[in-house]
């Protein structure tokens, strides 16, 4: 609100101001609601560092749904476990990343008899959607007036103590374990880090680690 025209995100050839980021987040959040995803539902994100990762994350949390972060190095066995254990109803993904092919992993998972009953489908970034899949570009269209009202109502029902994230451990020696984080804790943690580093609105952060 203080700096709507200031750059918020730079990723590849994409640049979003804070106002543009807010618009994209609201459009994605409205689409989540339109597809029956709301407070308490789990939505998984599986892709490399991209602007869409941030937009999806903020959209999921803004309506009280829970973001499930999935490691880009995930194996088919780990992906099956995380999606099943978290009861994720949607997977937002680029489909592939480096040498990983997540769509093929899901084919293998289902052919091995893992039904993933909670998973409604995939939301694909930069790929053509097939059966039980949707295209990211279709979900970031401007919401209509009724969707704006529904979005505002959903936002009002999000409380600081509500769960916001489930982040899974690497699972190198056992099944991955889901660590649950709340809205207030995430905000306090990030705020304190910024305070200790004396970050101001004049600074830029290069995010070199995996989201």
N, C-alpha and C. Protein backbone atom coordinates (compact mmCIF):
# COMPACT_ATOMS: atom_id res chain seq x y z
N UNK A 1 0.82 -1.21 0.00
CA UNK A 1 0.00 0.00 0.00
C UNK A 1 0.85 1.26 0.00
N UNK A 2 2.02 1.19 0.63
CA UNK A 2 2.90 2.37 0.69
C UNK A 2 3.63 2.60 -0.63
N UNK A 3 4.00 1.51 -1.32
CA UNK A 3 4.82 1.64 -2.52
C UNK A 3 4.24 0.79 -3.66
N UNK A 4 3.04 1.09 -4.13
CA UNK A 4 2.39 0.22 -5.12
C UNK A 4 3.15 0.10 -6.44
N UNK A 5 3.87 1.13 -6.84
CA UNK A 5 4.55 1.10 -8.14
C UNK A 5 6.00 0.62 -8.04
N UNK A 6 6.48 0.39 -6.83
CA UNK A 6 7.85 -0.09 -6.66
C UNK A 6 7.94 -1.56 -7.07
N UNK A 7 9.06 -1.97 -7.64
CA UNK A 7 9.23 -3.37 -8.04
C UNK A 7 9.20 -4.27 -6.82
N UNK A 8 8.42 -5.33 -6.92
CA UNK A 8 8.31 -6.31 -5.84
C UNK A 8 9.07 -7.59 -6.16
N UNK A 9 8.98 -8.03 -7.40
CA UNK A 9 9.60 -9.29 -7.81
C UNK A 9 10.23 -9.16 -9.19
N UNK A 10 11.41 -9.76 -9.33
CA UNK A 10 12.06 -9.89 -10.64
C UNK A 10 12.43 -11.35 -10.81
N UNK A 11 11.94 -11.99 -11.87
CA UNK A 11 12.25 -13.39 -12.13
C UNK A 11 12.38 -13.62 -13.62
N UNK A 12 13.58 -13.93 -14.06
CA UNK A 12 13.79 -14.07 -15.50
C UNK A 12 13.48 -12.76 -16.19
N UNK A 13 12.59 -12.80 -17.18
CA UNK A 13 12.23 -11.56 -17.88
C UNK A 13 10.94 -10.97 -17.32
N UNK A 14 10.46 -11.50 -16.20
CA UNK A 14 9.25 -10.97 -15.58
C UNK A 14 9.60 -9.98 -14.47
N UNK A 15 8.84 -8.88 -14.42
CA UNK A 15 8.99 -7.90 -13.35
C UNK A 15 7.60 -7.48 -12.90
N UNK A 16 7.33 -7.57 -11.61
CA UNK A 16 6.04 -7.19 -11.07
C UNK A 16 6.21 -6.10 -10.02
N UNK A 17 5.40 -5.06 -10.12
CA UNK A 17 5.33 -4.07 -9.05
C UNK A 17 4.49 -4.66 -7.91
N UNK A 18 4.46 -3.96 -6.78
CA UNK A 18 3.63 -4.44 -5.68
C UNK A 18 2.15 -4.45 -6.07
N UNK A 19 1.72 -3.44 -6.81
CA UNK A 19 0.33 -3.41 -7.26
C UNK A 19 0.02 -4.57 -8.19
N UNK A 20 0.94 -4.86 -9.11
CA UNK A 20 0.74 -5.97 -10.05
C UNK A 20 0.77 -7.31 -9.32
N UNK A 21 1.63 -7.43 -8.32
CA UNK A 21 1.69 -8.66 -7.53
C UNK A 21 0.37 -8.87 -6.79
N UNK A 22 -0.16 -7.81 -6.19
CA UNK A 22 -1.43 -7.92 -5.47
C UNK A 22 -2.56 -8.32 -6.41
N UNK A 23 -2.57 -7.77 -7.61
CA UNK A 23 -3.60 -8.11 -8.60
C UNK A 23 -3.50 -9.58 -8.99
N UNK A 24 -2.27 -10.06 -9.23
CA UNK A 24 -2.07 -11.46 -9.63
C UNK A 24 -2.47 -12.41 -8.50
N UNK A 25 -2.12 -12.06 -7.27
CA UNK A 25 -2.46 -12.89 -6.11
C UNK A 25 -3.98 -12.99 -5.95
N UNK A 26 -4.66 -11.86 -6.07
CA UNK A 26 -6.12 -11.87 -5.92
C UNK A 26 -6.79 -12.68 -7.03
N UNK A 27 -6.28 -12.57 -8.24
CA UNK A 27 -6.85 -13.34 -9.35
C UNK A 27 -6.69 -14.84 -9.11
N UNK A 28 -5.51 -15.25 -8.65
CA UNK A 28 -5.28 -16.67 -8.37
C UNK A 28 -6.12 -17.12 -7.19
N UNK A 29 -6.22 -16.30 -6.15
CA UNK A 29 -7.02 -16.65 -4.98
C UNK A 29 -8.49 -16.83 -5.36
N UNK A 30 -9.01 -15.92 -6.20
CA UNK A 30 -10.40 -16.04 -6.65
C UNK A 30 -10.61 -17.32 -7.44
N UNK A 31 -9.63 -17.71 -8.24
CA UNK A 31 -9.75 -18.94 -9.01
C UNK A 31 -9.74 -20.17 -8.11
N UNK A 32 -8.92 -20.14 -7.06
CA UNK A 32 -8.92 -21.24 -6.10
C UNK A 32 -10.31 -21.40 -5.50
N UNK A 33 -10.91 -20.28 -5.08
CA UNK A 33 -12.26 -20.34 -4.51
C UNK A 33 -13.27 -20.85 -5.53
N UNK A 34 -13.14 -20.40 -6.77
CA UNK A 34 -14.07 -20.82 -7.84
C UNK A 34 -14.03 -22.33 -8.05
N UNK A 35 -12.86 -22.93 -7.81
CA UNK A 35 -12.71 -24.37 -8.00
C UNK A 35 -12.93 -25.14 -6.70
N UNK A 36 -13.56 -24.49 -5.73
CA UNK A 36 -13.96 -25.20 -4.52
C UNK A 36 -12.88 -25.36 -3.48
N UNK A 37 -11.79 -24.60 -3.61
CA UNK A 37 -10.70 -24.68 -2.65
C UNK A 37 -10.81 -23.52 -1.68
N UNK A 38 -10.83 -23.82 -0.38
CA UNK A 38 -11.02 -22.77 0.61
C UNK A 38 -10.24 -23.03 1.87
N UNK A 39 -10.70 -22.45 2.96
CA UNK A 39 -9.98 -22.50 4.22
C UNK A 39 -9.74 -23.93 4.68
N UNK A 40 -8.49 -24.21 5.04
CA UNK A 40 -8.11 -25.53 5.53
C UNK A 40 -7.72 -26.51 4.46
N UNK A 41 -8.04 -26.24 3.20
CA UNK A 41 -7.64 -27.14 2.12
C UNK A 41 -6.14 -27.00 1.86
N UNK A 42 -5.52 -28.11 1.47
CA UNK A 42 -4.08 -28.10 1.22
C UNK A 42 -3.80 -28.04 -0.28
N UNK A 43 -2.90 -27.12 -0.65
CA UNK A 43 -2.50 -26.95 -2.05
C UNK A 43 -0.99 -27.03 -2.12
N UNK A 44 -0.48 -27.96 -2.93
CA UNK A 44 0.96 -28.18 -3.03
C UNK A 44 1.56 -27.36 -4.17
N UNK A 45 2.79 -26.89 -3.97
CA UNK A 45 3.55 -26.18 -5.00
C UNK A 45 4.82 -26.96 -5.27
N UNK A 46 5.08 -27.23 -6.56
CA UNK A 46 6.27 -27.98 -6.96
C UNK A 46 6.84 -27.37 -8.23
N UNK A 47 7.82 -26.50 -8.06
CA UNK A 47 8.50 -25.87 -9.20
C UNK A 47 9.76 -25.18 -8.70
N UNK A 48 10.62 -24.78 -9.62
CA UNK A 48 11.80 -24.01 -9.24
C UNK A 48 11.42 -22.59 -8.86
N UNK A 49 12.43 -21.77 -8.58
CA UNK A 49 12.18 -20.39 -8.15
C UNK A 49 11.64 -19.57 -9.31
N UNK A 50 10.38 -19.19 -9.19
CA UNK A 50 9.70 -18.40 -10.22
C UNK A 50 8.72 -17.46 -9.54
N UNK A 51 8.34 -16.42 -10.28
CA UNK A 51 7.34 -15.49 -9.76
C UNK A 51 6.04 -16.22 -9.44
N UNK A 52 5.68 -17.20 -10.27
CA UNK A 52 4.43 -17.93 -10.04
C UNK A 52 4.42 -18.64 -8.68
N UNK A 53 5.59 -19.05 -8.21
CA UNK A 53 5.68 -19.70 -6.88
C UNK A 53 5.17 -18.73 -5.81
N UNK A 54 5.65 -17.50 -5.86
CA UNK A 54 5.25 -16.49 -4.86
C UNK A 54 3.76 -16.16 -4.99
N UNK A 55 3.30 -15.96 -6.22
CA UNK A 55 1.89 -15.64 -6.44
C UNK A 55 1.00 -16.76 -5.88
N UNK A 56 1.35 -18.00 -6.19
CA UNK A 56 0.56 -19.13 -5.71
C UNK A 56 0.57 -19.20 -4.19
N UNK A 57 1.73 -19.05 -3.59
CA UNK A 57 1.88 -19.10 -2.14
C UNK A 57 0.99 -18.07 -1.46
N UNK A 58 1.10 -16.80 -1.87
CA UNK A 58 0.31 -15.74 -1.26
C UNK A 58 -1.18 -15.94 -1.50
N UNK A 59 -1.54 -16.43 -2.69
CA UNK A 59 -2.96 -16.66 -3.00
C UNK A 59 -3.55 -17.74 -2.10
N UNK A 60 -2.82 -18.83 -1.95
CA UNK A 60 -3.28 -19.94 -1.12
C UNK A 60 -3.50 -19.45 0.32
N UNK A 61 -2.51 -18.76 0.86
CA UNK A 61 -2.59 -18.33 2.26
C UNK A 61 -3.64 -17.24 2.46
N UNK A 62 -3.87 -16.42 1.45
CA UNK A 62 -4.79 -15.28 1.61
C UNK A 62 -6.23 -15.73 1.85
N UNK A 63 -6.59 -16.94 1.41
CA UNK A 63 -7.96 -17.43 1.60
C UNK A 63 -8.04 -18.47 2.72
N UNK A 64 -6.96 -18.64 3.46
CA UNK A 64 -6.97 -19.58 4.57
C UNK A 64 -6.68 -21.01 4.20
N UNK A 65 -6.37 -21.27 2.93
CA UNK A 65 -5.91 -22.61 2.55
C UNK A 65 -4.47 -22.78 3.04
N UNK A 66 -3.94 -23.97 2.94
CA UNK A 66 -2.63 -24.28 3.49
C UNK A 66 -1.68 -24.66 2.35
N UNK A 67 -0.55 -23.97 2.26
CA UNK A 67 0.43 -24.23 1.22
C UNK A 67 1.36 -25.37 1.63
N UNK A 68 1.46 -26.37 0.76
CA UNK A 68 2.36 -27.50 0.99
C UNK A 68 3.55 -27.35 0.05
N UNK A 69 4.71 -27.04 0.61
CA UNK A 69 5.91 -26.88 -0.21
C UNK A 69 6.55 -28.22 -0.50
N UNK A 70 6.81 -28.52 -1.78
CA UNK A 70 7.39 -29.80 -2.17
C UNK A 70 8.79 -29.57 -2.74
N UNK A 71 9.74 -30.34 -2.26
CA UNK A 71 11.14 -30.26 -2.69
C UNK A 71 11.26 -30.59 -4.17
N UNK A 72 11.95 -29.75 -4.94
CA UNK A 72 12.11 -29.99 -6.38
C UNK A 72 12.95 -31.24 -6.67
N UNK A 73 13.67 -31.76 -5.69
CA UNK A 73 14.44 -32.99 -5.86
C UNK A 73 13.62 -34.22 -5.51
N UNK A 74 12.33 -34.06 -5.33
CA UNK A 74 11.47 -35.14 -4.85
C UNK A 74 11.53 -36.35 -5.78
N UNK A 75 11.49 -37.55 -5.19
CA UNK A 75 11.38 -38.78 -5.97
C UNK A 75 9.90 -39.15 -6.08
N UNK A 76 9.59 -40.10 -6.93
CA UNK A 76 8.21 -40.53 -7.10
C UNK A 76 7.64 -41.05 -5.78
N UNK A 77 8.42 -41.83 -5.05
CA UNK A 77 7.96 -42.36 -3.76
C UNK A 77 7.67 -41.23 -2.79
N UNK A 78 8.56 -40.24 -2.72
CA UNK A 78 8.37 -39.12 -1.80
C UNK A 78 7.18 -38.25 -2.21
N UNK A 79 7.02 -38.06 -3.53
CA UNK A 79 5.90 -37.25 -4.00
C UNK A 79 4.58 -37.92 -3.66
N UNK A 80 4.52 -39.22 -3.86
CA UNK A 80 3.30 -39.96 -3.51
C UNK A 80 2.99 -39.82 -2.03
N UNK A 81 4.03 -39.91 -1.20
CA UNK A 81 3.81 -39.82 0.24
C UNK A 81 3.35 -38.43 0.65
N UNK A 82 4.02 -37.40 0.14
CA UNK A 82 3.70 -36.02 0.53
C UNK A 82 2.28 -35.66 0.10
N UNK A 83 1.92 -35.97 -1.14
CA UNK A 83 0.57 -35.64 -1.62
C UNK A 83 -0.50 -36.40 -0.85
N UNK A 84 -0.22 -37.67 -0.54
CA UNK A 84 -1.18 -38.48 0.19
C UNK A 84 -1.27 -38.04 1.65
N UNK A 85 -0.13 -37.88 2.29
CA UNK A 85 -0.09 -37.54 3.71
C UNK A 85 -0.69 -36.17 3.99
N UNK A 86 -0.41 -35.20 3.10
CA UNK A 86 -0.92 -33.84 3.30
C UNK A 86 -2.38 -33.70 2.87
N UNK A 87 -2.85 -34.67 2.10
CA UNK A 87 -4.19 -34.62 1.51
C UNK A 87 -4.34 -33.39 0.62
N UNK A 88 -3.31 -33.12 -0.17
CA UNK A 88 -3.33 -31.98 -1.09
C UNK A 88 -4.42 -32.19 -2.14
N UNK A 89 -5.24 -31.14 -2.34
CA UNK A 89 -6.32 -31.26 -3.33
C UNK A 89 -5.91 -30.70 -4.69
N UNK A 90 -4.79 -30.00 -4.75
CA UNK A 90 -4.31 -29.43 -6.01
C UNK A 90 -2.80 -29.37 -5.97
N UNK A 91 -2.17 -29.67 -7.09
CA UNK A 91 -0.72 -29.52 -7.23
C UNK A 91 -0.44 -28.47 -8.29
N UNK A 92 0.23 -27.39 -7.88
CA UNK A 92 0.61 -26.33 -8.81
C UNK A 92 2.06 -26.56 -9.19
N UNK A 93 2.32 -26.76 -10.48
CA UNK A 93 3.65 -27.20 -10.90
C UNK A 93 3.97 -26.76 -12.32
N UNK A 94 5.25 -26.72 -12.61
CA UNK A 94 5.71 -26.51 -13.99
C UNK A 94 5.71 -27.82 -14.76
N UNK A 95 5.44 -28.91 -14.08
CA UNK A 95 5.42 -30.22 -14.74
C UNK A 95 6.79 -30.84 -14.83
N UNK A 96 7.78 -30.05 -15.17
CA UNK A 96 9.17 -30.51 -15.22
C UNK A 96 10.06 -29.47 -14.56
N UNK A 97 11.23 -29.91 -14.12
CA UNK A 97 12.24 -29.00 -13.58
C UNK A 97 13.58 -29.69 -13.71
N UNK A 98 14.50 -29.04 -14.44
CA UNK A 98 15.80 -29.64 -14.74
C UNK A 98 15.56 -31.05 -15.32
N UNK A 99 16.04 -32.10 -14.68
CA UNK A 99 15.86 -33.45 -15.21
C UNK A 99 14.61 -34.14 -14.65
N UNK A 100 13.88 -33.46 -13.80
CA UNK A 100 12.72 -34.06 -13.17
C UNK A 100 11.46 -33.88 -14.04
N UNK A 101 10.66 -34.93 -14.14
CA UNK A 101 9.39 -34.88 -14.86
C UNK A 101 8.29 -35.29 -13.87
N UNK A 102 7.67 -34.29 -13.27
CA UNK A 102 6.69 -34.55 -12.21
C UNK A 102 5.40 -35.16 -12.74
N UNK A 103 5.01 -34.79 -13.94
CA UNK A 103 3.79 -35.37 -14.52
C UNK A 103 3.99 -36.87 -14.75
N UNK A 104 5.17 -37.25 -15.23
CA UNK A 104 5.45 -38.66 -15.44
C UNK A 104 5.50 -39.41 -14.11
N UNK A 105 6.01 -38.72 -13.07
CA UNK A 105 6.02 -39.32 -11.73
C UNK A 105 4.60 -39.66 -11.29
N UNK A 106 3.66 -38.75 -11.54
CA UNK A 106 2.27 -38.99 -11.14
C UNK A 106 1.66 -40.14 -11.91
N UNK A 107 2.01 -40.27 -13.19
CA UNK A 107 1.55 -41.43 -13.97
C UNK A 107 2.05 -42.71 -13.33
N UNK A 108 3.34 -42.71 -12.96
CA UNK A 108 3.95 -43.89 -12.32
C UNK A 108 3.29 -44.17 -10.97
N UNK A 109 3.04 -43.12 -10.20
CA UNK A 109 2.42 -43.27 -8.88
C UNK A 109 1.04 -43.92 -9.00
N UNK A 110 0.24 -43.42 -9.93
CA UNK A 110 -1.12 -43.95 -10.09
C UNK A 110 -1.12 -45.35 -10.67
N UNK A 111 -0.18 -45.62 -11.57
CA UNK A 111 -0.10 -46.97 -12.15
C UNK A 111 0.36 -47.99 -11.12
N UNK A 112 1.05 -47.50 -10.08
CA UNK A 112 1.50 -48.39 -9.00
C UNK A 112 0.40 -48.62 -7.96
N UNK A 113 -0.77 -48.01 -8.19
CA UNK A 113 -1.90 -48.28 -7.32
C UNK A 113 -2.13 -47.25 -6.23
N UNK A 114 -1.41 -46.12 -6.27
CA UNK A 114 -1.62 -45.06 -5.29
C UNK A 114 -2.71 -44.13 -5.82
N UNK A 115 -3.92 -44.13 -5.23
CA UNK A 115 -5.04 -43.41 -5.83
C UNK A 115 -5.00 -41.89 -5.65
N UNK A 116 -4.39 -41.40 -4.57
CA UNK A 116 -4.39 -39.96 -4.25
C UNK A 116 -5.80 -39.39 -4.35
N UNK A 117 -6.72 -39.87 -3.51
CA UNK A 117 -8.13 -39.49 -3.65
C UNK A 117 -8.41 -38.01 -3.46
N UNK A 118 -7.59 -37.31 -2.66
CA UNK A 118 -7.84 -35.89 -2.40
C UNK A 118 -7.45 -35.01 -3.58
N UNK A 119 -6.53 -35.49 -4.43
CA UNK A 119 -5.97 -34.67 -5.49
C UNK A 119 -6.96 -34.51 -6.64
N UNK A 120 -7.44 -33.28 -6.83
CA UNK A 120 -8.41 -33.00 -7.89
C UNK A 120 -7.75 -32.87 -9.26
N UNK A 121 -6.49 -32.44 -9.28
CA UNK A 121 -5.80 -32.27 -10.55
C UNK A 121 -4.56 -31.41 -10.40
N UNK A 122 -4.00 -31.02 -11.55
CA UNK A 122 -2.78 -30.23 -11.61
C UNK A 122 -3.07 -28.87 -12.22
N UNK A 123 -2.45 -27.84 -11.68
CA UNK A 123 -2.45 -26.52 -12.30
C UNK A 123 -1.07 -26.31 -12.87
N UNK A 124 -0.99 -26.22 -14.21
CA UNK A 124 0.29 -26.24 -14.90
C UNK A 124 0.74 -24.84 -15.31
N UNK A 125 2.00 -24.54 -15.02
CA UNK A 125 2.63 -23.30 -15.45
C UNK A 125 3.45 -23.58 -16.71
N UNK A 126 3.17 -22.82 -17.77
CA UNK A 126 3.94 -22.91 -19.02
C UNK A 126 3.85 -24.26 -19.71
N UNK A 127 2.78 -25.01 -19.50
CA UNK A 127 2.58 -26.27 -20.20
C UNK A 127 1.12 -26.40 -20.61
N UNK A 128 0.89 -27.17 -21.68
CA UNK A 128 -0.47 -27.40 -22.15
C UNK A 128 -1.18 -28.37 -21.21
N UNK A 129 -2.38 -28.01 -20.80
CA UNK A 129 -3.13 -28.84 -19.85
C UNK A 129 -3.83 -29.99 -20.56
N UNK A 130 -3.81 -31.15 -19.90
CA UNK A 130 -4.51 -32.32 -20.39
C UNK A 130 -5.68 -32.65 -19.47
N UNK A 131 -6.16 -33.90 -19.47
CA UNK A 131 -7.25 -34.29 -18.58
C UNK A 131 -6.88 -34.09 -17.12
N UNK A 132 -7.83 -33.60 -16.32
CA UNK A 132 -7.63 -33.31 -14.89
C UNK A 132 -6.48 -32.33 -14.67
N UNK A 133 -6.28 -31.46 -15.64
CA UNK A 133 -5.24 -30.43 -15.53
C UNK A 133 -5.82 -29.08 -15.96
N UNK A 134 -5.26 -28.01 -15.41
CA UNK A 134 -5.66 -26.66 -15.79
C UNK A 134 -4.43 -25.84 -16.12
N UNK A 135 -4.63 -24.79 -16.90
CA UNK A 135 -3.53 -23.91 -17.31
C UNK A 135 -3.47 -22.69 -16.39
N UNK A 136 -2.28 -22.36 -15.94
CA UNK A 136 -2.06 -21.21 -15.06
C UNK A 136 -2.65 -19.93 -15.66
N UNK A 137 -2.45 -19.75 -16.96
CA UNK A 137 -2.90 -18.52 -17.61
C UNK A 137 -4.40 -18.32 -17.47
N UNK A 138 -5.16 -19.41 -17.40
CA UNK A 138 -6.61 -19.30 -17.26
C UNK A 138 -7.02 -18.93 -15.84
N UNK A 139 -6.14 -19.17 -14.87
CA UNK A 139 -6.47 -18.94 -13.47
C UNK A 139 -6.05 -17.55 -12.99
N UNK A 140 -5.35 -16.80 -13.80
CA UNK A 140 -4.91 -15.46 -13.37
C UNK A 140 -5.67 -14.37 -14.13
N UNK A 141 -6.85 -14.72 -14.65
CA UNK A 141 -7.71 -13.72 -15.27
C UNK A 141 -8.41 -12.92 -14.17
N UNK A 142 -8.77 -11.68 -14.48
CA UNK A 142 -9.40 -10.80 -13.49
C UNK A 142 -10.71 -11.40 -12.98
N UNK A 143 -10.94 -11.44 -11.68
CA UNK A 143 -12.19 -11.97 -11.14
C UNK A 143 -13.36 -11.03 -11.41
N UNK A 144 -14.57 -11.60 -11.45
CA UNK A 144 -15.75 -10.75 -11.63
C UNK A 144 -16.19 -10.20 -10.27
N UNK A 145 -17.25 -9.39 -10.27
CA UNK A 145 -17.67 -8.69 -9.05
C UNK A 145 -18.06 -9.64 -7.94
N UNK A 146 -18.76 -10.73 -8.28
CA UNK A 146 -19.18 -11.68 -7.25
C UNK A 146 -17.98 -12.41 -6.66
N UNK A 147 -16.98 -12.69 -7.50
CA UNK A 147 -15.77 -13.36 -7.01
C UNK A 147 -14.96 -12.43 -6.11
N UNK A 148 -14.97 -11.13 -6.39
CA UNK A 148 -14.28 -10.16 -5.54
C UNK A 148 -14.92 -10.13 -4.15
N UNK A 149 -16.24 -10.19 -4.11
CA UNK A 149 -16.95 -10.22 -2.83
C UNK A 149 -16.61 -11.49 -2.05
N UNK A 150 -16.62 -12.64 -2.73
CA UNK A 150 -16.31 -13.92 -2.09
C UNK A 150 -14.87 -13.93 -1.58
N UNK A 151 -13.96 -13.32 -2.34
CA UNK A 151 -12.57 -13.27 -1.93
C UNK A 151 -12.40 -12.43 -0.67
N UNK A 152 -13.05 -11.29 -0.63
CA UNK A 152 -12.96 -10.42 0.55
C UNK A 152 -13.49 -11.14 1.79
N UNK A 153 -14.56 -11.89 1.60
CA UNK A 153 -15.14 -12.62 2.72
C UNK A 153 -14.18 -13.71 3.21
N UNK A 154 -13.55 -14.42 2.27
CA UNK A 154 -12.61 -15.47 2.65
C UNK A 154 -11.42 -14.90 3.40
N UNK A 155 -10.94 -13.75 2.97
CA UNK A 155 -9.79 -13.12 3.64
C UNK A 155 -10.13 -12.75 5.08
N UNK A 156 -11.35 -12.29 5.30
CA UNK A 156 -11.75 -11.85 6.65
C UNK A 156 -11.76 -13.01 7.65
N UNK A 157 -11.88 -14.22 7.16
CA UNK A 157 -11.98 -15.38 8.04
C UNK A 157 -10.63 -16.04 8.32
N UNK A 158 -9.53 -15.43 7.88
CA UNK A 158 -8.20 -15.98 8.17
C UNK A 158 -7.69 -15.36 9.47
N UNK A 159 -7.32 -16.21 10.42
CA UNK A 159 -6.86 -15.76 11.73
C UNK A 159 -5.35 -15.99 11.87
N UNK A 160 -4.66 -15.19 12.71
CA UNK A 160 -3.22 -15.36 12.91
C UNK A 160 -2.83 -16.77 13.34
N UNK A 161 -3.68 -17.43 14.12
CA UNK A 161 -3.35 -18.76 14.63
C UNK A 161 -3.65 -19.88 13.64
N UNK A 162 -4.25 -19.56 12.50
CA UNK A 162 -4.55 -20.59 11.49
C UNK A 162 -3.27 -21.14 10.89
N UNK A 163 -3.31 -22.41 10.50
CA UNK A 163 -2.17 -23.01 9.80
C UNK A 163 -2.02 -22.38 8.43
N UNK A 164 -0.77 -22.10 8.04
CA UNK A 164 -0.49 -21.48 6.75
C UNK A 164 0.32 -22.39 5.84
N UNK A 165 1.33 -23.07 6.40
CA UNK A 165 2.24 -23.90 5.62
C UNK A 165 2.33 -25.31 6.21
N UNK A 166 2.59 -26.27 5.33
CA UNK A 166 3.15 -27.56 5.74
C UNK A 166 4.41 -27.75 4.90
N UNK A 167 5.55 -27.79 5.57
CA UNK A 167 6.84 -27.98 4.90
C UNK A 167 7.40 -29.34 5.32
N UNK A 168 7.77 -30.16 4.35
CA UNK A 168 8.22 -31.51 4.65
C UNK A 168 9.74 -31.59 4.74
N UNK A 169 10.19 -32.38 5.71
CA UNK A 169 11.62 -32.65 5.83
C UNK A 169 12.06 -33.50 4.64
N UNK A 170 13.37 -33.66 4.50
CA UNK A 170 13.91 -34.33 3.31
C UNK A 170 13.54 -35.80 3.23
N UNK A 171 13.30 -36.44 4.36
CA UNK A 171 12.95 -37.86 4.32
C UNK A 171 14.09 -38.75 3.88
N UNK A 172 15.33 -38.34 4.18
CA UNK A 172 16.49 -39.10 3.71
C UNK A 172 16.65 -40.43 4.45
N UNK A 173 16.19 -40.50 5.71
CA UNK A 173 16.34 -41.73 6.48
C UNK A 173 15.00 -42.37 6.85
N UNK A 174 13.91 -41.66 6.61
CA UNK A 174 12.56 -42.19 6.89
C UNK A 174 11.59 -41.40 6.04
N UNK A 175 10.30 -41.64 6.23
CA UNK A 175 9.32 -40.85 5.50
C UNK A 175 9.46 -39.37 5.85
N UNK A 176 9.24 -38.47 4.88
CA UNK A 176 9.28 -37.04 5.18
C UNK A 176 8.26 -36.71 6.28
N UNK A 177 8.61 -35.73 7.10
CA UNK A 177 7.71 -35.32 8.18
C UNK A 177 7.21 -33.91 7.92
N UNK A 178 5.90 -33.72 8.04
CA UNK A 178 5.31 -32.42 7.76
C UNK A 178 5.41 -31.49 8.95
N UNK A 179 6.04 -30.34 8.76
CA UNK A 179 6.17 -29.32 9.79
C UNK A 179 5.12 -28.25 9.52
N UNK A 180 4.24 -28.01 10.49
CA UNK A 180 3.12 -27.08 10.30
C UNK A 180 3.48 -25.72 10.89
N UNK A 181 3.28 -24.66 10.10
CA UNK A 181 3.58 -23.30 10.52
C UNK A 181 2.32 -22.45 10.44
N UNK A 182 2.17 -21.52 11.37
CA UNK A 182 1.00 -20.65 11.41
C UNK A 182 1.31 -19.27 10.83
N UNK A 183 0.26 -18.54 10.50
CA UNK A 183 0.41 -17.22 9.89
C UNK A 183 1.23 -16.28 10.78
N UNK A 184 0.85 -16.18 12.06
CA UNK A 184 1.52 -15.22 12.92
C UNK A 184 3.00 -15.55 13.07
N UNK A 185 3.32 -16.85 13.14
CA UNK A 185 4.71 -17.26 13.33
C UNK A 185 5.56 -16.94 12.10
N UNK A 186 5.00 -17.17 10.92
CA UNK A 186 5.72 -16.84 9.69
C UNK A 186 6.01 -15.35 9.62
N UNK A 187 4.99 -14.53 9.92
CA UNK A 187 5.16 -13.08 9.82
C UNK A 187 6.17 -12.59 10.86
N UNK A 188 6.05 -13.09 12.09
CA UNK A 188 6.99 -12.67 13.13
C UNK A 188 8.41 -13.05 12.77
N UNK A 189 8.59 -14.27 12.27
CA UNK A 189 9.93 -14.75 11.93
C UNK A 189 10.56 -13.89 10.83
N UNK A 190 9.80 -13.63 9.76
CA UNK A 190 10.33 -12.84 8.64
C UNK A 190 10.60 -11.40 9.06
N UNK A 191 9.70 -10.87 9.88
CA UNK A 191 9.87 -9.49 10.36
C UNK A 191 11.15 -9.37 11.20
N UNK A 192 11.35 -10.33 12.09
CA UNK A 192 12.53 -10.28 12.96
C UNK A 192 13.82 -10.41 12.16
N UNK A 193 13.83 -11.27 11.15
CA UNK A 193 15.01 -11.40 10.29
C UNK A 193 15.30 -10.07 9.60
N UNK A 194 14.25 -9.44 9.05
CA UNK A 194 14.44 -8.15 8.40
C UNK A 194 14.96 -7.09 9.34
N UNK A 195 14.43 -7.08 10.57
CA UNK A 195 14.90 -6.11 11.57
C UNK A 195 16.37 -6.31 11.90
N UNK A 196 16.78 -7.57 12.09
CA UNK A 196 18.17 -7.86 12.45
C UNK A 196 19.13 -7.53 11.31
N UNK A 197 18.66 -7.64 10.07
CA UNK A 197 19.50 -7.32 8.92
C UNK A 197 19.38 -5.86 8.49
N UNK A 198 18.57 -5.10 9.22
CA UNK A 198 18.36 -3.67 8.93
C UNK A 198 17.88 -3.45 7.50
N UNK A 199 16.95 -4.31 7.06
CA UNK A 199 16.40 -4.20 5.71
C UNK A 199 15.42 -3.03 5.66
N UNK A 200 15.52 -2.22 4.60
CA UNK A 200 14.58 -1.12 4.39
C UNK A 200 13.95 -1.27 3.01
N UNK A 201 13.03 -0.34 2.68
CA UNK A 201 12.37 -0.37 1.38
C UNK A 201 13.34 -0.06 0.23
N UNK A 202 14.57 0.35 0.55
CA UNK A 202 15.56 0.65 -0.48
C UNK A 202 16.37 -0.58 -0.89
N UNK A 203 16.23 -1.67 -0.16
CA UNK A 203 17.07 -2.85 -0.39
C UNK A 203 16.44 -3.81 -1.40
N UNK A 204 17.30 -4.62 -2.02
CA UNK A 204 16.86 -5.71 -2.89
C UNK A 204 17.49 -7.00 -2.42
N UNK A 205 16.71 -8.07 -2.46
CA UNK A 205 17.18 -9.37 -2.00
C UNK A 205 17.34 -10.31 -3.19
N UNK A 206 18.53 -10.87 -3.33
CA UNK A 206 18.73 -11.93 -4.33
C UNK A 206 18.47 -13.26 -3.63
N UNK A 207 17.44 -13.97 -4.06
CA UNK A 207 17.07 -15.23 -3.45
C UNK A 207 17.79 -16.36 -4.16
N UNK A 208 18.90 -16.79 -3.57
CA UNK A 208 19.73 -17.80 -4.23
C UNK A 208 19.35 -19.22 -3.84
N UNK A 209 18.64 -19.38 -2.73
CA UNK A 209 18.27 -20.72 -2.28
C UNK A 209 16.90 -21.11 -2.83
N UNK A 210 16.60 -22.38 -2.76
CA UNK A 210 15.33 -22.86 -3.29
C UNK A 210 14.16 -22.39 -2.44
N UNK A 211 13.11 -21.89 -3.09
CA UNK A 211 11.90 -21.56 -2.36
C UNK A 211 11.31 -22.78 -1.67
